[in-house]
Every structure is written in C-alpha cells, then in structure tokens.
N, C-alpha and C. Protein backbone atom coordinates (compact mmCIF):
# COMPACT_ATOMS: atom_id res chain seq x y z
N MET A 1 0.76 -1.14 0.08
CA MET A 1 -0.21 0.25 -0.12
C MET A 1 1.05 1.21 -0.22
N THR A 2 0.68 2.33 -1.16
CA THR A 2 0.98 3.43 -0.86
C THR A 2 1.12 4.21 0.10
N GLN A 3 1.89 4.74 0.90
CA GLN A 3 1.68 5.92 1.72
C GLN A 3 1.63 7.21 1.42
N HIS A 4 0.47 7.95 1.35
CA HIS A 4 0.16 9.09 1.00
C HIS A 4 0.79 10.29 1.76
N HIS A 5 1.43 10.99 1.11
CA HIS A 5 2.20 12.27 1.73
C HIS A 5 0.78 13.25 1.76
N LEU A 6 -0.23 13.16 1.59
CA LEU A 6 -1.33 14.21 1.59
C LEU A 6 -2.23 13.56 2.89
N ALA A 7 -2.29 14.05 4.03
CA ALA A 7 -3.46 13.85 5.01
C ALA A 7 -4.70 14.78 5.16
N VAL A 8 -6.00 13.96 5.07
CA VAL A 8 -6.86 15.23 5.23
C VAL A 8 -7.89 14.87 6.41
N LEU A 9 -8.08 15.82 7.04
CA LEU A 9 -9.10 15.35 8.52
C LEU A 9 -10.29 16.03 7.90
N ILE A 10 -11.33 15.11 7.41
CA ILE A 10 -12.42 15.56 7.12
C ILE A 10 -13.40 16.00 8.00
N TYR A 11 -14.15 17.01 8.39
CA TYR A 11 -14.97 17.17 9.37
C TYR A 11 -16.36 18.12 8.93
N PRO A 12 -17.38 17.50 9.94
CA PRO A 12 -18.62 18.53 9.86
C PRO A 12 -18.66 19.95 9.85
N THR A 13 -19.75 20.75 9.14
CA THR A 13 -19.39 22.22 9.21
C THR A 13 -19.67 22.90 10.63
N ASP A 14 -19.93 21.87 11.83
CA ASP A 14 -20.41 22.49 13.22
C ASP A 14 -19.28 21.95 13.98
N PHE A 15 -17.98 21.59 13.55
CA PHE A 15 -17.07 21.40 14.00
C PHE A 15 -15.60 21.82 13.85
N ASP A 16 -15.19 21.97 14.92
CA ASP A 16 -13.56 23.40 15.00
C ASP A 16 -12.58 22.20 14.87
N PRO A 17 -11.80 22.28 13.78
CA PRO A 17 -10.74 21.13 13.99
C PRO A 17 -9.60 22.01 14.66
N ALA A 18 -9.39 23.20 14.69
CA ALA A 18 -8.47 24.09 15.14
C ALA A 18 -7.53 23.45 16.40
N PRO A 19 -8.30 23.49 17.65
CA PRO A 19 -7.68 22.49 18.69
C PRO A 19 -7.21 21.31 18.43
N ILE A 20 -7.43 20.64 17.54
CA ILE A 20 -6.65 19.17 17.41
C ILE A 20 -5.40 19.64 16.26
N LEU A 21 -5.72 20.12 15.43
CA LEU A 21 -4.52 20.73 14.50
C LEU A 21 -3.23 21.42 15.56
N ASP A 22 -3.40 22.27 16.37
CA ASP A 22 -2.78 23.14 17.11
C ASP A 22 -2.28 22.18 18.08
N ASP A 23 -2.93 21.20 18.72
CA ASP A 23 -2.13 19.86 19.90
C ASP A 23 -1.23 19.06 18.71
N ALA A 24 -1.74 18.75 17.68
CA ALA A 24 -0.62 17.71 16.89
C ALA A 24 0.82 18.53 16.75
N VAL A 25 0.32 20.08 16.19
CA VAL A 25 1.45 20.83 15.66
C VAL A 25 2.51 20.86 17.17
N ARG A 26 1.89 21.10 18.08
CA ARG A 26 2.83 21.34 19.34
C ARG A 26 3.48 20.04 19.55
N LYS A 27 2.99 19.25 19.48
CA LYS A 27 3.53 17.67 19.78
C LYS A 27 4.66 17.15 18.47
N LEU A 28 4.38 17.59 17.31
CA LEU A 28 5.28 17.49 16.44
C LEU A 28 6.53 18.33 16.46
N LEU A 29 6.17 19.60 16.99
CA LEU A 29 7.41 20.73 17.16
C LEU A 29 8.35 19.95 18.30
N ALA A 30 7.82 19.30 19.29
CA ALA A 30 8.40 19.02 20.39
C ALA A 30 9.03 17.75 20.11
N ARG A 31 9.02 17.28 19.01
CA ARG A 31 9.80 16.16 18.13
C ARG A 31 10.87 16.49 17.64
N GLY A 32 10.90 17.82 17.09
CA GLY A 32 11.68 18.42 16.24
C GLY A 32 11.61 18.34 15.00
N VAL A 33 10.27 18.18 14.52
CA VAL A 33 9.72 18.28 13.01
C VAL A 33 9.63 19.67 12.51
N ALA A 34 10.02 20.05 11.34
CA ALA A 34 10.23 21.45 11.11
C ALA A 34 8.92 21.33 10.42
N ILE A 35 8.07 22.53 10.48
CA ILE A 35 6.67 22.65 9.93
C ILE A 35 6.66 24.02 9.48
N ALA A 36 6.00 23.92 8.26
CA ALA A 36 5.58 25.28 7.88
C ALA A 36 4.16 25.19 7.57
N GLY A 37 3.22 26.41 7.99
CA GLY A 37 1.99 26.47 7.56
C GLY A 37 1.33 27.38 8.31
N ALA A 38 0.26 27.06 8.42
CA ALA A 38 -0.73 28.15 9.25
C ALA A 38 -1.88 27.60 10.44
N LEU A 39 -1.83 27.89 11.55
CA LEU A 39 -3.21 27.59 12.28
C LEU A 39 -4.10 28.39 12.44
N GLN A 40 -5.00 28.24 12.62
CA GLN A 40 -6.36 29.15 12.55
C GLN A 40 -6.48 29.54 14.28
N HIS A 41 -6.83 30.62 14.92
CA HIS A 41 -7.11 30.95 16.33
C HIS A 41 -8.33 31.82 15.79
N ALA A 42 -9.12 31.67 16.72
CA ALA A 42 -10.48 32.43 16.75
C ALA A 42 -10.81 32.65 18.36
N SER A 43 -11.14 34.27 18.48
CA SER A 43 -11.54 34.30 19.83
C SER A 43 -13.04 35.03 19.93
N GLY A 44 -13.45 34.99 18.96
CA GLY A 44 -14.61 35.33 18.21
C GLY A 44 -15.16 34.74 17.02
N PRO A 45 -16.61 35.05 16.74
CA PRO A 45 -17.11 34.85 15.11
C PRO A 45 -16.11 35.83 14.07
N CYS A 46 -16.14 36.75 14.64
CA CYS A 46 -15.57 37.70 13.75
C CYS A 46 -14.14 38.26 13.76
N ASP A 47 -13.19 37.11 14.63
CA ASP A 47 -11.92 37.79 15.42
C ASP A 47 -11.20 36.53 14.70
N MET A 48 -10.42 36.11 13.59
CA MET A 48 -9.33 35.32 13.15
C MET A 48 -8.25 35.71 13.11
N GLU A 49 -7.51 34.79 13.55
CA GLU A 49 -5.93 35.10 13.42
C GLU A 49 -5.46 34.13 12.71
N LEU A 50 -4.34 33.99 12.06
CA LEU A 50 -3.35 32.91 11.35
C LEU A 50 -2.13 33.07 12.13
N GLU A 51 -1.84 31.81 12.85
CA GLU A 51 -0.52 31.75 13.27
C GLU A 51 0.51 30.96 12.15
N LEU A 52 1.61 31.95 11.95
CA LEU A 52 2.42 31.24 10.99
C LEU A 52 3.70 30.38 11.22
N LEU A 53 3.67 29.29 10.46
CA LEU A 53 4.83 28.35 11.44
C LEU A 53 5.73 28.48 10.16
N PRO A 54 7.05 28.36 10.68
CA PRO A 54 7.66 28.09 11.88
C PRO A 54 7.57 29.53 12.79
N SER A 55 7.40 30.53 12.70
CA SER A 55 7.78 31.66 13.14
C SER A 55 6.93 31.98 14.45
N GLY A 56 5.57 31.33 14.22
CA GLY A 56 4.61 31.54 15.38
C GLY A 56 4.04 32.80 15.36
N ARG A 57 4.41 33.86 14.63
CA ARG A 57 3.70 35.36 14.13
C ARG A 57 2.59 35.06 13.88
N ARG A 58 1.71 35.93 14.50
CA ARG A 58 0.09 35.85 14.22
C ARG A 58 -0.31 37.09 13.35
N ILE A 59 -1.31 36.97 12.40
CA ILE A 59 -1.53 37.86 11.55
C ILE A 59 -3.23 37.74 11.47
N SER A 60 -4.05 38.99 11.84
CA SER A 60 -5.40 39.18 12.18
C SER A 60 -5.84 38.91 10.53
N ILE A 61 -6.69 38.09 10.13
CA ILE A 61 -7.20 37.94 8.97
C ILE A 61 -8.56 38.68 9.01
N SER A 62 -9.31 39.09 9.88
CA SER A 62 -10.64 39.66 10.20
C SER A 62 -10.43 41.26 10.10
N GLN A 63 -11.45 41.49 9.06
CA GLN A 63 -11.53 43.11 9.11
C GLN A 63 -12.41 43.38 10.17
N ASN A 64 -11.86 44.60 10.78
CA ASN A 64 -13.00 45.00 11.57
C ASN A 64 -14.02 45.94 10.91
N LEU A 65 -15.25 45.42 10.89
CA LEU A 65 -16.44 46.49 10.42
C LEU A 65 -17.06 47.29 11.31
N GLY A 66 -16.43 47.61 12.32
CA GLY A 66 -17.00 48.36 13.39
C GLY A 66 -18.28 47.68 14.32
N SER A 67 -18.50 48.29 15.42
CA SER A 67 -19.39 48.03 16.40
C SER A 67 -21.09 47.55 16.10
N GLY A 68 -21.24 48.42 14.90
CA GLY A 68 -22.51 48.17 14.26
C GLY A 68 -22.53 47.03 12.97
N ALA A 69 -21.56 46.12 13.17
CA ALA A 69 -21.41 45.32 11.82
C ALA A 69 -22.39 44.10 12.41
N MET A 70 -22.79 43.48 11.59
CA MET A 70 -23.92 42.47 11.84
C MET A 70 -23.26 41.13 10.97
N GLY A 71 -22.27 41.37 10.30
CA GLY A 71 -21.22 39.89 9.46
C GLY A 71 -19.86 40.16 9.73
N CYS A 72 -19.17 39.27 9.27
CA CYS A 72 -17.73 39.37 9.39
C CYS A 72 -17.22 39.54 7.98
N ARG A 73 -16.32 39.82 7.51
CA ARG A 73 -15.33 40.15 6.09
C ARG A 73 -13.73 39.80 6.41
N LEU A 74 -13.40 38.94 5.75
CA LEU A 74 -11.97 38.32 5.48
C LEU A 74 -11.06 39.70 4.72
N ASP A 75 -10.14 39.86 5.57
CA ASP A 75 -9.20 40.92 5.16
C ASP A 75 -8.45 40.38 4.03
N ALA A 76 -8.61 40.49 2.82
CA ALA A 76 -7.98 39.82 1.90
C ALA A 76 -6.38 40.61 1.73
N ALA A 77 -6.04 41.65 2.19
CA ALA A 77 -4.43 42.10 2.03
C ALA A 77 -3.86 41.16 3.08
N ALA A 78 -4.40 41.11 4.41
CA ALA A 78 -3.87 40.27 5.31
C ALA A 78 -3.28 39.16 5.00
N LEU A 79 -4.61 38.21 4.37
CA LEU A 79 -4.35 37.01 3.89
C LEU A 79 -3.41 36.78 2.96
N ALA A 80 -3.33 38.04 1.84
CA ALA A 80 -2.17 37.70 0.85
C ALA A 80 -0.92 38.08 1.78
N GLU A 81 -0.76 38.85 2.60
CA GLU A 81 0.37 38.65 3.54
C GLU A 81 0.87 37.55 4.35
N ALA A 82 -0.09 36.82 4.67
CA ALA A 82 0.32 35.41 5.25
C ALA A 82 0.78 34.62 4.40
N ALA A 83 0.04 34.56 3.21
CA ALA A 83 0.21 33.66 1.97
C ALA A 83 1.75 33.81 1.59
N SER A 84 2.21 35.07 1.54
CA SER A 84 3.63 35.23 1.08
C SER A 84 4.69 34.60 2.25
N ILE A 85 4.29 34.52 3.52
CA ILE A 85 5.09 34.22 4.66
C ILE A 85 5.25 33.07 4.54
N VAL A 86 3.98 32.26 4.30
CA VAL A 86 3.61 30.80 4.22
C VAL A 86 4.68 30.11 3.30
N ARG A 87 4.64 30.87 1.76
CA ARG A 87 5.40 30.74 0.71
C ARG A 87 6.89 30.29 1.15
N LYS A 88 7.31 31.58 1.88
CA LYS A 88 8.47 31.54 1.93
C LYS A 88 9.25 30.30 2.82
N ALA A 89 8.24 30.07 3.88
CA ALA A 89 8.49 28.62 4.84
C ALA A 89 8.38 27.50 3.86
N ILE A 90 7.64 27.42 2.77
CA ILE A 90 7.49 26.14 2.14
C ILE A 90 8.88 26.10 1.35
N ASP A 91 9.30 27.24 0.76
CA ASP A 91 10.46 27.32 -0.14
C ASP A 91 11.79 26.81 0.79
N ASN A 92 11.56 26.86 2.12
CA ASN A 92 12.73 26.32 3.02
C ASN A 92 12.72 25.06 3.21
N GLY A 93 11.98 24.25 2.30
CA GLY A 93 11.73 22.51 2.66
C GLY A 93 11.75 22.32 3.93
N PRO A 94 10.42 22.58 4.60
CA PRO A 94 10.34 21.90 6.03
C PRO A 94 9.91 20.16 5.76
N ASP A 95 9.87 19.67 6.89
CA ASP A 95 9.61 18.14 6.83
C ASP A 95 8.13 18.28 6.52
N LEU A 96 7.42 18.94 7.00
CA LEU A 96 6.03 19.01 6.90
C LEU A 96 5.40 19.97 6.67
N ALA A 97 4.05 20.10 6.34
CA ALA A 97 3.35 21.47 5.96
C ALA A 97 1.87 21.10 6.43
N ILE A 98 1.55 21.93 7.54
CA ILE A 98 0.18 21.83 8.03
C ILE A 98 -0.67 23.33 7.96
N PHE A 99 -1.74 23.03 7.43
CA PHE A 99 -2.63 24.35 6.68
C PHE A 99 -3.83 24.23 7.84
N ASN A 100 -4.26 25.30 8.02
CA ASN A 100 -5.47 25.54 8.81
C ASN A 100 -6.67 24.95 8.43
N LYS A 101 -7.13 24.96 7.02
CA LYS A 101 -7.86 24.43 6.34
C LYS A 101 -8.33 24.59 4.88
N TYR A 102 -8.92 23.94 4.34
CA TYR A 102 -9.19 23.88 3.05
C TYR A 102 -10.55 24.44 2.96
N GLY A 103 -10.85 25.86 3.05
CA GLY A 103 -11.95 26.32 3.13
C GLY A 103 -12.80 26.88 1.91
N ALA A 104 -13.65 27.56 1.93
CA ALA A 104 -14.51 28.61 1.40
C ALA A 104 -13.34 29.26 0.06
N GLN A 105 -12.26 29.93 0.62
CA GLN A 105 -11.42 30.83 -0.18
C GLN A 105 -10.56 29.76 -0.85
N GLU A 106 -10.07 28.54 -0.37
CA GLU A 106 -9.51 27.75 -1.21
C GLU A 106 -10.28 27.07 -2.21
N ALA A 107 -11.30 26.64 -1.89
CA ALA A 107 -12.07 26.24 -2.78
C ALA A 107 -12.07 26.88 -3.99
N GLU A 108 -12.38 28.24 -4.12
CA GLU A 108 -12.66 29.38 -5.00
C GLU A 108 -10.69 29.53 -5.79
N GLY A 109 -9.96 28.84 -5.13
CA GLY A 109 -8.64 29.19 -5.69
C GLY A 109 -8.05 30.24 -4.94
N LYS A 110 -8.52 30.66 -3.67
CA LYS A 110 -7.82 31.98 -3.23
C LYS A 110 -7.28 31.42 -2.16
N GLY A 111 -7.35 32.53 -0.92
CA GLY A 111 -6.71 32.21 0.34
C GLY A 111 -5.43 31.30 0.11
N LEU A 112 -5.15 30.32 0.59
CA LEU A 112 -3.84 29.71 1.10
C LEU A 112 -3.99 28.47 -0.33
N HIS A 113 -4.65 28.80 -1.29
CA HIS A 113 -4.68 27.53 -2.45
C HIS A 113 -3.33 27.06 -2.81
N ASP A 114 -2.71 28.47 -3.61
CA ASP A 114 -1.35 28.39 -4.19
C ASP A 114 -0.34 27.50 -3.00
N GLU A 115 -0.61 27.87 -1.84
CA GLU A 115 0.80 27.59 -0.89
C GLU A 115 0.52 26.09 -0.53
N ILE A 116 -0.50 25.71 -0.69
CA ILE A 116 -1.04 24.39 -0.54
C ILE A 116 -0.62 23.35 -1.76
N ALA A 117 -0.75 23.83 -2.98
CA ALA A 117 -0.44 23.24 -4.18
C ALA A 117 1.27 23.57 -4.11
N LEU A 118 1.72 24.55 -3.87
CA LEU A 118 3.27 24.39 -3.76
C LEU A 118 3.78 23.19 -2.67
N ALA A 119 3.31 22.95 -1.72
CA ALA A 119 3.60 22.18 -0.60
C ALA A 119 3.53 20.79 -1.38
N ILE A 120 2.37 20.38 -1.95
CA ILE A 120 2.31 19.25 -2.70
C ILE A 120 3.09 18.97 -3.62
N THR A 121 3.17 19.90 -4.80
CA THR A 121 4.08 19.50 -5.68
C THR A 121 5.25 19.67 -5.36
N ALA A 122 5.79 20.04 -4.14
CA ALA A 122 7.48 19.99 -3.93
C ALA A 122 7.76 18.93 -3.26
N GLY A 123 6.77 17.97 -3.08
CA GLY A 123 6.80 16.63 -2.39
C GLY A 123 6.81 16.63 -0.70
N ILE A 124 6.36 17.64 -0.25
CA ILE A 124 6.18 17.94 1.47
C ILE A 124 5.04 17.11 1.67
N PRO A 125 5.15 16.47 2.93
CA PRO A 125 3.96 15.87 3.20
C PRO A 125 3.20 17.07 3.80
N VAL A 126 1.77 17.08 3.85
CA VAL A 126 0.78 17.92 4.11
C VAL A 126 -0.38 17.41 4.85
N VAL A 127 -0.65 18.11 5.78
CA VAL A 127 -1.88 17.63 6.66
C VAL A 127 -2.65 19.08 6.74
N ILE A 128 -4.10 18.67 6.48
CA ILE A 128 -5.09 19.57 6.28
C ILE A 128 -6.60 19.29 6.42
N PRO A 129 -7.32 20.01 7.60
CA PRO A 129 -8.73 19.53 7.63
C PRO A 129 -8.96 20.30 6.26
N VAL A 130 -10.39 19.55 5.96
CA VAL A 130 -11.43 19.86 4.94
C VAL A 130 -12.73 19.77 5.22
N PRO A 131 -13.50 20.42 5.54
CA PRO A 131 -15.09 20.40 5.94
C PRO A 131 -15.55 19.48 4.96
N GLU A 132 -16.69 18.82 5.54
CA GLU A 132 -17.54 17.81 4.31
C GLU A 132 -17.56 18.53 3.07
N ARG A 133 -18.47 19.77 3.23
CA ARG A 133 -19.22 20.53 2.28
C ARG A 133 -18.33 20.65 1.23
N PHE A 134 -16.69 20.65 1.18
CA PHE A 134 -15.73 21.13 0.40
C PHE A 134 -14.81 20.13 -0.24
N LEU A 135 -15.39 18.83 0.39
CA LEU A 135 -14.80 17.46 -0.16
C LEU A 135 -14.82 17.23 -1.83
N PRO A 136 -16.02 17.65 -2.41
CA PRO A 136 -15.67 17.44 -3.89
C PRO A 136 -14.73 18.21 -4.45
N GLN A 137 -14.59 19.70 -4.04
CA GLN A 137 -13.75 20.62 -4.60
C GLN A 137 -11.90 20.13 -4.32
N TRP A 138 -12.01 19.49 -2.89
CA TRP A 138 -10.81 19.00 -2.39
C TRP A 138 -10.15 17.84 -3.39
N SER A 139 -11.25 17.01 -3.60
CA SER A 139 -10.86 15.69 -4.72
C SER A 139 -10.53 15.76 -5.79
N THR A 140 -11.26 17.05 -6.01
CA THR A 140 -11.02 17.50 -7.62
C THR A 140 -9.25 18.11 -7.70
N PHE A 141 -9.02 18.88 -6.92
CA PHE A 141 -7.89 19.45 -6.46
C PHE A 141 -6.70 18.67 -6.48
N THR A 142 -7.00 17.50 -5.66
CA THR A 142 -5.86 16.63 -5.45
C THR A 142 -6.17 15.44 -6.15
N ALA A 143 -6.98 15.33 -7.11
CA ALA A 143 -7.07 14.04 -8.03
C ALA A 143 -7.27 12.81 -7.26
N GLY A 144 -8.23 13.16 -6.11
CA GLY A 144 -8.42 12.15 -5.18
C GLY A 144 -7.31 11.34 -4.62
N GLU A 145 -6.35 12.21 -4.54
CA GLU A 145 -4.69 11.07 -4.23
C GLU A 145 -4.44 11.94 -2.64
N PHE A 146 -5.00 11.34 -1.62
CA PHE A 146 -4.86 11.64 -0.47
C PHE A 146 -5.46 10.69 0.77
N ALA A 147 -4.92 10.55 1.92
CA ALA A 147 -5.11 9.81 3.09
C ALA A 147 -6.27 10.71 3.85
N THR A 148 -7.44 9.76 4.04
CA THR A 148 -8.56 10.58 5.20
C THR A 148 -7.99 9.74 6.62
N LEU A 149 -7.81 10.67 7.48
CA LEU A 149 -7.71 10.63 8.96
C LEU A 149 -8.57 10.73 9.64
N ALA A 150 -8.85 10.08 10.88
CA ALA A 150 -9.82 10.60 11.65
C ALA A 150 -9.53 11.89 12.47
N CYS A 151 -10.18 12.69 12.54
CA CYS A 151 -9.76 14.13 13.17
C CYS A 151 -9.63 14.36 14.57
N SER A 152 -8.29 13.54 14.65
CA SER A 152 -7.71 13.77 16.19
C SER A 152 -6.27 13.66 16.00
N THR A 153 -5.80 14.41 17.10
CA THR A 153 -4.39 14.07 17.22
C THR A 153 -3.64 12.91 17.00
N PRO A 154 -3.84 11.65 17.80
CA PRO A 154 -3.33 10.53 17.77
C PRO A 154 -3.40 9.95 15.89
N ALA A 155 -4.37 10.57 15.66
CA ALA A 155 -4.21 9.81 13.99
C ALA A 155 -3.30 10.74 13.47
N VAL A 156 -3.11 11.98 13.45
CA VAL A 156 -2.06 12.71 12.73
C VAL A 156 -0.53 12.36 13.10
N LEU A 157 -0.40 11.71 14.23
CA LEU A 157 0.78 11.64 14.80
C LEU A 157 1.19 10.10 14.25
N SER A 158 0.21 9.24 14.42
CA SER A 158 0.35 8.02 13.91
C SER A 158 0.75 8.18 12.46
N TRP A 159 -0.18 8.97 11.34
CA TRP A 159 0.36 9.14 10.10
C TRP A 159 1.70 9.53 10.04
N TRP A 160 1.82 10.43 10.42
CA TRP A 160 3.32 11.00 10.57
C TRP A 160 4.25 9.72 10.68
N ASP A 161 4.12 9.18 11.91
CA ASP A 161 5.47 8.20 12.26
C ASP A 161 5.09 7.03 11.40
N ALA A 162 4.08 6.86 10.50
CA ALA A 162 4.23 5.69 9.49
C ALA A 162 4.91 6.36 8.30
N LEU A 163 4.82 7.55 8.20
CA LEU A 163 5.42 8.26 6.83
C LEU A 163 6.99 8.09 7.31
N VAL A 164 7.61 8.59 8.05
CA VAL A 164 8.65 8.72 8.47
C VAL A 164 9.16 7.28 8.27
N LYS A 165 8.80 6.32 8.94
CA LYS A 165 8.96 4.91 8.90
C LYS A 165 9.34 4.55 7.52
N ALA A 166 8.24 4.48 6.68
CA ALA A 166 8.24 4.43 5.34
C ALA A 166 9.28 4.98 4.42
N SER A 167 9.73 6.49 4.96
CA SER A 167 10.45 6.75 4.39
C SER A 167 12.25 6.44 4.62
N ARG A 168 12.21 6.04 5.98
CA ARG A 168 13.24 5.40 6.40
C ARG A 168 13.57 3.89 5.48
N ASP A 169 12.51 3.16 5.58
CA ASP A 169 12.57 1.94 5.17
C ASP A 169 12.91 1.83 3.51
N ALA A 170 12.47 3.24 2.85
CA ALA A 170 12.91 2.81 1.52
C ALA A 170 14.37 3.61 1.48
N ALA A 171 14.85 4.17 2.15
CA ALA A 171 16.44 4.67 1.96
C ALA A 171 17.28 3.51 1.96
C-alpha cells in the first residue's frame, strides 16, 4: 500500500478542527519536526488570526467592520501577506506542511490555495482539515490522491510516524 504524503481530516460544518491541529503541531514541534504552514485561532466569530509556522507570528485576517456590523469580512490584504510568509517557509523545505483548512477561499482558488499546491508539488507531506461540504472541490484539486484521517491528534501523529518509517525503510 502506498503511504500518502497528503493527509486530510474531514470534518462536519459544526466542528472546529483548530484545537486538534494546534495540539498535533505542538507535539510534532516538540519532536523536532520542521513545520511550515498556518494554524487558525479565533477569539470570536469575527476575530480570526493565522499563526504562521514556523515563526509563530500571528496575523489577524478579519476586517474590523465596526461595532454595528452584523457580519464578518475576511481581510484579503492580510491573507495575502500571510500567504507570502507561508510560501517562503515552504520554499525552505520543511519536513511537513500543515494548513488551517481547505475552506471557501481555497475552494475558489484563493486564500492559501497556491501555497497548499506548492507544498504538494514540492513533495512535502501535508496535513489539512477539509470540511465535508468542500470535499468535492478538494477531491478535484488533489485528483483524489490523499489519505483520510480521523479528526484527532493521535491520528495525525500515527500518520506522521508511518510516513517517517516508510521513508526510512525506502532509504
């Protein structure tokens, strides 16, 4: 069986995979794994930040629409800045790339779409949560070539361990 270098955590719309991804990243970093990518942190429905890896720098990606606002708006300029930083980290050849999610922006070819593609084409193993509703777009984007993991820290760590073992066995 081929060990996929692309691992997906599929989750329902009402689930937040961010704490699981954050926990997995912290545990992998503690093992010395070099990680590039982004984690999402939200302190409210319209207050989102991306934590850029490996630096840990945080960039707010939510526009402040004022106290009377009834909705949220993504800050495209901040997201573009984050993407540029992530791209540079991927260019440095990390062991692993982890992205906060393949969401609406990425399904439209925006957001971190190009950085995800860059990591995949560079042969860097990738972990990414994908909401169920964007699974068709994800499957098209990746030609269906990915492993599906349970949305849990142990599943991510087990996948990584198997990938490292397969790599060592092939060497």
